[in-house]
PDB file of N, CA and C in Angstrom:
ATOM      1  N   MET A   1     -22.588 -35.622  -8.841  1.00  0.00           N
ATOM      2  CA  MET A   1     -21.966 -34.741  -8.138  1.00  0.00           C
ATOM      3  C   MET A   1     -21.217 -33.453  -8.673  1.00  0.00           C
ATOM      4  N   THR A   2     -21.666 -32.195  -8.114  1.00  0.00           N
ATOM      5  CA  THR A   2     -21.492 -31.105  -8.897  1.00  0.00           C
ATOM      6  C   THR A   2     -20.111 -30.218  -7.956  1.00  0.00           C
ATOM      7  N   THR A   3     -19.287 -29.782  -8.477  1.00  0.00           N
ATOM      8  CA  THR A   3     -18.376 -29.059  -7.612  1.00  0.00           C
ATOM      9  C   THR A   3     -18.549 -27.434  -7.653  1.00  0.00           C
ATOM     10  N   VAL A   4     -18.237 -26.579  -6.945  1.00  0.00           N
ATOM     11  CA  VAL A   4     -18.182 -25.298  -6.751  1.00  0.00           C
ATOM     12  C   VAL A   4     -17.804 -24.602  -7.968  1.00  0.00           C
ATOM     13  N   PHE A   5     -16.910 -25.112  -8.725  1.00  0.00           N
ATOM     14  CA  PHE A   5     -15.992 -24.307  -9.655  1.00  0.00           C
ATOM     15  C   PHE A   5     -16.226 -25.192 -11.424  1.00  0.00           C
ATOM     16  N   SER A   6     -17.442 -25.320 -11.147  1.00  0.00           N
ATOM     17  CA  SER A   6     -17.981 -25.954 -12.575  1.00  0.00           C
ATOM     18  C   SER A   6     -17.759 -24.775 -13.385  1.00  0.00           C
ATOM     19  N   ALA A   7     -17.975 -25.316 -14.790  1.00  0.00           N
ATOM     20  CA  ALA A   7     -18.280 -24.170 -16.007  1.00  0.00           C
ATOM     21  C   ALA A   7     -19.720 -23.258 -15.960  1.00  0.00           C
ATOM     22  N   ASP A   8     -20.722 -24.379 -15.271  1.00  0.00           N
ATOM     23  CA  ASP A   8     -22.004 -23.468 -15.477  1.00  0.00           C
ATOM     24  C   ASP A   8     -22.034 -22.653 -14.118  1.00  0.00           C
ATOM     25  N   ASN A   9     -21.387 -23.144 -12.971  1.00  0.00           N
ATOM     26  CA  ASN A   9     -21.459 -22.206 -11.585  1.00  0.00           C
ATOM     27  C   ASN A   9     -20.820 -20.738 -12.116  1.00  0.00           C
ATOM     28  N   MET A  10     -19.411 -21.223 -12.497  1.00  0.00           N
ATOM     29  CA  MET A  10     -18.586 -19.900 -13.095  1.00  0.00           C
ATOM     30  C   MET A  10     -19.467 -18.812 -14.228  1.00  0.00           C
ATOM     31  N   ALA A  11     -20.143 -19.284 -14.840  1.00  0.00           N
ATOM     32  CA  ALA A  11     -20.986 -18.737 -15.965  1.00  0.00           C
ATOM     33  C   ALA A  11     -21.964 -18.038 -14.929  1.00  0.00           C
ATOM     34  N   LYS A  12     -22.565 -18.603 -14.021  1.00  0.00           N
ATOM     35  CA  LYS A  12     -23.713 -17.585 -13.201  1.00  0.00           C
ATOM     36  C   LYS A  12     -22.782 -16.795 -12.626  1.00  0.00           C
ATOM     37  N   VAL A  13     -21.690 -16.810 -11.920  1.00  0.00           N
ATOM     38  CA  VAL A  13     -21.130 -16.105 -11.470  1.00  0.00           C
ATOM     39  C   VAL A  13     -20.384 -14.807 -12.200  1.00  0.00           C
ATOM     40  N   GLU A  14     -20.483 -15.022 -13.302  1.00  0.00           N
ATOM     41  CA  GLU A  14     -20.031 -14.063 -13.985  1.00  0.00           C
ATOM     42  C   GLU A  14     -21.139 -13.024 -14.722  1.00  0.00           C
ATOM     43  N   ALA A  15     -22.457 -13.768 -14.926  1.00  0.00           N
ATOM     44  CA  ALA A  15     -23.456 -13.120 -15.320  1.00  0.00           C
ATOM     45  C   ALA A  15     -23.918 -12.205 -14.315  1.00  0.00           C
ATOM     46  N   VAL A  16     -23.663 -12.348 -12.616  1.00  0.00           N
ATOM     47  CA  VAL A  16     -23.994 -11.535 -11.871  1.00  0.00           C
ATOM     48  C   VAL A  16     -22.961 -10.761 -11.424  1.00  0.00           C
ATOM     49  N   GLY A  17     -21.732 -11.020 -11.747  1.00  0.00           N
ATOM     50  CA  GLY A  17     -20.718 -10.127 -11.623  1.00  0.00           C
ATOM     51  C   GLY A  17     -19.951 -10.688 -10.161  1.00  0.00           C
ATOM     52  N   ILE A  18     -18.395 -10.962 -10.497  1.00  0.00           N
ATOM     53  CA  ILE A  18     -18.016 -11.541  -9.527  1.00  0.00           C
ATOM     54  C   ILE A  18     -17.992 -10.474  -8.218  1.00  0.00           C
ATOM     55  N   GLU A  19     -17.550  -9.362  -8.228  1.00  0.00           N
ATOM     56  CA  GLU A  19     -17.979  -8.551  -6.906  1.00  0.00           C
ATOM     57  C   GLU A  19     -19.059  -8.717  -6.083  1.00  0.00           C
ATOM     58  N   LYS A  20     -20.229  -8.669  -6.930  1.00  0.00           N
ATOM     59  CA  LYS A  20     -21.384  -8.657  -5.983  1.00  0.00           C
ATOM     60  C   LYS A  20     -21.505 -10.297  -5.555  1.00  0.00           C
ATOM     61  N   LYS A  21     -21.458 -11.213  -6.321  1.00  0.00           N
ATOM     62  CA  LYS A  21     -21.522 -12.350  -6.012  1.00  0.00           C
ATOM     63  C   LYS A  21     -20.662 -12.729  -4.431  1.00  0.00           C
ATOM     64  N   LEU A  22     -19.374 -12.081  -4.588  1.00  0.00           N
ATOM     65  CA  LEU A  22     -18.538 -12.474  -3.429  1.00  0.00           C
ATOM     66  C   LEU A  22     -18.861 -11.210  -2.705  1.00  0.00           C
ATOM     67  N   LYS A  23     -19.742 -10.538  -2.557  1.00  0.00           N
ATOM     68  CA  LYS A  23     -20.116  -9.164  -1.694  1.00  0.00           C
ATOM     69  C   LYS A  23     -19.048  -8.306  -1.017  1.00  0.00           C
ATOM     70  N   LEU A  24     -18.438  -7.947  -2.703  1.00  0.00           N
ATOM     71  CA  LEU A  24     -17.105  -7.228  -2.396  1.00  0.00           C
ATOM     72  C   LEU A  24     -17.540  -5.661  -3.017  1.00  0.00           C
ATOM     73  N   ALA A  25     -18.752  -5.603  -3.552  1.00  0.00           N
ATOM     74  CA  ALA A  25     -18.999  -4.378  -4.364  1.00  0.00           C
ATOM     75  C   ALA A  25     -19.521  -3.505  -3.360  1.00  0.00           C
ATOM     76  N   ASN A  26     -20.026  -3.568  -2.276  1.00  0.00           N
ATOM     77  CA  ASN A  26     -20.796  -2.943  -1.168  1.00  0.00           C
ATOM     78  C   ASN A  26     -20.243  -3.019  -0.282  1.00  0.00           C
ATOM     79  N   ALA A  27     -18.883  -3.562   0.041  1.00  0.00           N
ATOM     80  CA  ALA A  27     -18.337  -3.999   1.356  1.00  0.00           C
ATOM     81  C   ALA A  27     -17.964  -2.758   2.043  1.00  0.00           C
ATOM     82  N   LYS A  28     -18.240  -2.786   3.079  1.00  0.00           N
ATOM     83  CA  LYS A  28     -17.851  -1.248   4.421  1.00  0.00           C
ATOM     84  C   LYS A  28     -16.752  -1.712   5.069  1.00  0.00           C
ATOM     85  N   PHE A  29     -15.868  -0.811   5.055  1.00  0.00           N
ATOM     86  CA  PHE A  29     -14.677  -1.209   5.894  1.00  0.00           C
ATOM     87  C   PHE A  29     -14.385  -0.204   6.786  1.00  0.00           C
ATOM     88  N   SER A  30     -14.308  -0.650   8.355  1.00  0.00           N
ATOM     89  CA  SER A  30     -13.951   0.562   8.992  1.00  0.00           C
ATOM     90  C   SER A  30     -12.686   0.963   9.291  1.00  0.00           C
ATOM     91  N   LEU A  31     -12.201   2.082   9.062  1.00  0.00           N
ATOM     92  CA  LEU A  31     -10.524   2.562   9.127  1.00  0.00           C
ATOM     93  C   LEU A  31     -10.287   3.111  10.386  1.00  0.00           C
ATOM     94  N   GLY A  32     -11.261   3.089  11.446  1.00  0.00           N
ATOM     95  CA  GLY A  32     -10.754   3.613  12.933  1.00  0.00           C
ATOM     96  C   GLY A  32     -10.020   2.934  13.866  1.00  0.00           C
ATOM     97  N   ASN A  33      -9.626   1.814  13.252  1.00  0.00           N
ATOM     98  CA  ASN A  33      -8.747   0.921  14.382  1.00  0.00           C
ATOM     99  C   ASN A  33      -7.728   0.272  13.299  1.00  0.00           C
ATOM    100  N   MET A  34      -6.935   1.098  13.020  1.00  0.00           N
ATOM    101  CA  MET A  34      -5.841   0.483  12.236  1.00  0.00           C
ATOM    102  C   MET A  34      -4.473   0.164  12.885  1.00  0.00           C
ATOM    103  N   ASN A  35      -4.453  -0.997  13.958  1.00  0.00           N
ATOM    104  CA  ASN A  35      -3.394  -1.199  14.739  1.00  0.00           C
ATOM    105  C   ASN A  35      -2.577  -2.455  13.916  1.00  0.00           C
ATOM    106  N   LEU A  36      -1.525  -2.143  13.662  1.00  0.00           N
ATOM    107  CA  LEU A  36      -0.820  -3.347  12.934  1.00  0.00           C
ATOM    108  C   LEU A  36       0.545  -3.828  13.301  1.00  0.00           C
ATOM    109  N   PHE A  37       1.049  -4.569  13.194  1.00  0.00           N
ATOM    110  CA  PHE A  37       2.324  -5.025  13.335  1.00  0.00           C
ATOM    111  C   PHE A  37       3.577  -4.164  12.284  1.00  0.00           C
ATOM    112  N   ASP A  38       4.672  -3.504  12.776  1.00  0.00           N
ATOM    113  CA  ASP A  38       5.272  -2.658  11.843  1.00  0.00           C
ATOM    114  C   ASP A  38       6.424  -3.504  11.582  1.00  0.00           C
ATOM    115  N   PRO A  39       7.418  -3.169  11.034  1.00  0.00           N
ATOM    116  CA  PRO A  39       8.391  -3.877  10.353  1.00  0.00           C
ATOM    117  C   PRO A  39       9.591  -4.513  11.508  1.00  0.00           C
ATOM    118  N   GLU A  40       9.516  -3.669  12.617  1.00  0.00           N
ATOM    119  CA  GLU A  40      10.096  -4.020  13.863  1.00  0.00           C
ATOM    120  C   GLU A  40       9.474  -5.258  14.956  1.00  0.00           C
ATOM    121  N   HIS A  41       8.352  -5.435  14.321  1.00  0.00           N
ATOM    122  CA  HIS A  41       7.449  -6.545  14.967  1.00  0.00           C
ATOM    123  C   HIS A  41       6.662  -6.031  15.977  1.00  0.00           C
ATOM    124  N   LYS A  42       6.744  -4.669  16.151  1.00  0.00           N
ATOM    125  CA  LYS A  42       5.900  -3.949  17.172  1.00  0.00           C
ATOM    126  C   LYS A  42       4.479  -3.455  16.657  1.00  0.00           C
ATOM    127  N   ILE A  43       3.503  -3.561  17.817  1.00  0.00           N
ATOM    128  CA  ILE A  43       2.251  -2.894  17.305  1.00  0.00           C
ATOM    129  C   ILE A  43       2.409  -1.563  17.145  1.00  0.00           C
ATOM    130  N   LYS A  44       1.838  -0.764  16.118  1.00  0.00           N
ATOM    131  CA  LYS A  44       1.690   0.404  15.733  1.00  0.00           C
ATOM    132  C   LYS A  44       0.337   0.914  15.196  1.00  0.00           C
ATOM    133  N   LYS A  45      -0.001   2.142  15.868  1.00  0.00           N
ATOM    134  CA  LYS A  45      -1.077   2.592  15.045  1.00  0.00           C
ATOM    135  C   LYS A  45      -1.041   3.516  13.827  1.00  0.00           C
ATOM    136  N   TYR A  46      -1.617   3.258  12.960  1.00  0.00           N
ATOM    137  CA  TYR A  46      -1.668   3.910  11.428  1.00  0.00           C
ATOM    138  C   TYR A  46      -3.062   4.828  11.442  1.00  0.00           C
ATOM    139  N   ASP A  47      -2.882   5.982  10.967  1.00  0.00           N
ATOM    140  CA  ASP A  47      -3.798   6.832  10.960  1.00  0.00           C
ATOM    141  C   ASP A  47      -4.642   6.815   9.414  1.00  0.00           C
ATOM    142  N   THR A  48      -3.758   6.384   8.243  1.00  0.00           N
ATOM    143  CA  THR A  48      -4.298   6.427   6.903  1.00  0.00           C
ATOM    144  C   THR A  48      -3.711   4.984   6.359  1.00  0.00           C
ATOM    145  N   VAL A  49      -4.639   4.539   5.197  1.00  0.00           N
ATOM    146  CA  VAL A  49      -4.220   3.432   4.609  1.00  0.00           C
ATOM    147  C   VAL A  49      -2.934   3.807   4.062  1.00  0.00           C
ATOM    148  N   GLU A  50      -2.537   4.949   3.439  1.00  0.00           N
ATOM    149  CA  GLU A  50      -1.455   5.733   2.743  1.00  0.00           C
ATOM    150  C   GLU A  50       0.016   5.208   3.604  1.00  0.00           C
ATOM    151  N   GLN A  51      -0.442   5.417   5.056  1.00  0.00           N
ATOM    152  CA  GLN A  51       0.713   5.122   5.554  1.00  0.00           C
ATOM    153  C   GLN A  51       1.077   3.687   5.649  1.00  0.00           C
ATOM    154  N   ILE A  52       0.325   2.890   5.870  1.00  0.00           N
ATOM    155  CA  ILE A  52       0.580   1.532   5.613  1.00  0.00           C
ATOM    156  C   ILE A  52       1.174   1.131   4.734  1.00  0.00           C
ATOM    157  N   MET A  53       0.473   1.490   3.626  1.00  0.00           N
ATOM    158  CA  MET A  53       1.306   1.166   1.938  1.00  0.00           C
ATOM    159  C   MET A  53       2.339   1.710   1.779  1.00  0.00           C
ATOM    160  N   GLU A  54       2.759   3.054   2.466  1.00  0.00           N
ATOM    161  CA  GLU A  54       4.407   3.778   2.048  1.00  0.00           C
ATOM    162  C   GLU A  54       5.190   2.667   3.175  1.00  0.00           C
ATOM    163  N   GLU A  55       4.894   2.421   4.325  1.00  0.00           N
ATOM    164  CA  GLU A  55       5.540   1.615   5.019  1.00  0.00           C
ATOM    165  C   GLU A  55       5.962  -0.100   4.401  1.00  0.00           C
ATOM    166  N   PHE A  56       5.079  -0.690   3.815  1.00  0.00           N
ATOM    167  CA  PHE A  56       4.976  -1.731   3.554  1.00  0.00           C
ATOM    168  C   PHE A  56       5.928  -1.504   1.984  1.00  0.00           C
ATOM    169  N   PHE A  57       5.691  -0.650   1.377  1.00  0.00           N
ATOM    170  CA  PHE A  57       6.917  -0.670   0.190  1.00  0.00           C
ATOM    171  C   PHE A  57       7.931  -0.865   0.460  1.00  0.00           C
ATOM    172  N   HIS A  58       8.434  -0.044   1.347  1.00  0.00           N
ATOM    173  CA  HIS A  58       9.801   0.092   1.426  1.00  0.00           C
ATOM    174  C   HIS A  58      10.167  -1.470   2.054  1.00  0.00           C
ATOM    175  N   LEU A  59       9.554  -1.761   2.838  1.00  0.00           N
ATOM    176  CA  LEU A  59       9.929  -3.237   3.472  1.00  0.00           C
ATOM    177  C   LEU A  59      10.052  -4.219   2.127  1.00  0.00           C
ATOM    178  N   ARG A  60       8.838  -4.189   1.364  1.00  0.00           N
ATOM    179  CA  ARG A  60       8.996  -5.531   0.217  1.00  0.00           C
ATOM    180  C   ARG A  60      10.065  -5.082  -0.486  1.00  0.00           C
ATOM    181  N   LEU A  61      10.569  -3.595  -1.044  1.00  0.00           N
ATOM    182  CA  LEU A  61      11.754  -3.296  -1.824  1.00  0.00           C
ATOM    183  C   LEU A  61      13.072  -3.964  -0.993  1.00  0.00           C
ATOM    184  N   ARG A  62      13.163  -3.924   0.144  1.00  0.00           N
ATOM    185  CA  ARG A  62      14.262  -4.509   0.418  1.00  0.00           C
ATOM    186  C   ARG A  62      14.345  -5.972   0.415  1.00  0.00           C
ATOM    187  N   TYR A  63      13.239  -6.595   0.634  1.00  0.00           N
ATOM    188  CA  TYR A  63      13.222  -8.165   0.317  1.00  0.00           C
ATOM    189  C   TYR A  63      13.167  -8.536  -1.168  1.00  0.00           C
ATOM    190  N   TYR A  64      12.767  -7.517  -2.038  1.00  0.00           N
ATOM    191  CA  TYR A  64      13.139  -7.847  -3.532  1.00  0.00           C
ATOM    192  C   TYR A  64      14.653  -7.776  -3.585  1.00  0.00           C
ATOM    193  N   GLN A  65      15.214  -6.751  -2.998  1.00  0.00           N
ATOM    194  CA  GLN A  65      16.670  -6.602  -3.158  1.00  0.00           C
ATOM    195  C   GLN A  65      17.417  -7.806  -2.868  1.00  0.00           C
ATOM    196  N   LYS A  66      17.103  -8.024  -1.471  1.00  0.00           N
ATOM    197  CA  LYS A  66      17.608  -9.270  -1.132  1.00  0.00           C
ATOM    198  C   LYS A  66      17.681 -10.399  -1.871  1.00  0.00           C
ATOM    199  N   ARG A  67      16.540 -10.866  -2.441  1.00  0.00           N
ATOM    200  CA  ARG A  67      16.160 -11.827  -3.132  1.00  0.00           C
ATOM    201  C   ARG A  67      17.110 -11.885  -4.255  1.00  0.00           C
ATOM    202  N   LYS A  68      17.095 -10.733  -5.103  1.00  0.00           N
ATOM    203  CA  LYS A  68      17.929 -10.498  -6.251  1.00  0.00           C
ATOM    204  C   LYS A  68      19.273 -10.759  -6.119  1.00  0.00           C
ATOM    205  N   VAL A  69      20.185 -10.336  -4.883  1.00  0.00           N
ATOM    206  CA  VAL A  69      21.276 -10.407  -4.793  1.00  0.00           C
ATOM    207  C   VAL A  69      21.655 -12.114  -4.446  1.00  0.00           C
ATOM    208  N   ARG A  70      20.711 -13.051  -3.625  1.00  0.00           N
ATOM    209  CA  ARG A  70      20.927 -14.259  -3.463  1.00  0.00           C
ATOM    210  C   ARG A  70      20.774 -14.780  -4.838  1.00  0.00           C
ATOM    211  N   GLN A  71      19.829 -14.404  -6.099  1.00  0.00           N
ATOM    212  CA  GLN A  71      19.759 -15.307  -7.284  1.00  0.00           C
ATOM    213  C   GLN A  71      21.085 -15.084  -8.171  1.00  0.00           C
ATOM    214  N   CYS A  72      22.004 -14.147  -7.719  1.00  0.00           N
ATOM    215  CA  CYS A  72      23.215 -13.894  -8.641  1.00  0.00           C
ATOM    216  C   CYS A  72      24.051 -14.559  -8.203  1.00  0.00           C
TER     217      CYS A  72
END
């Protein structure tokens, strides 16, 4: 019985390149339909990936601060 994560299989994947083996190297993503839930749980259309990251950053920062307060 062979497992997917055996040392031999991992060596083969590393030889090919993990990005190519997982088909991430040449992946094409459409950025035309970026409708996501915003922090208020409402559907919002984003025009750029940077807008999503900016909103997510501020949300995560708030939660990191809340967690830090609870730990003390």
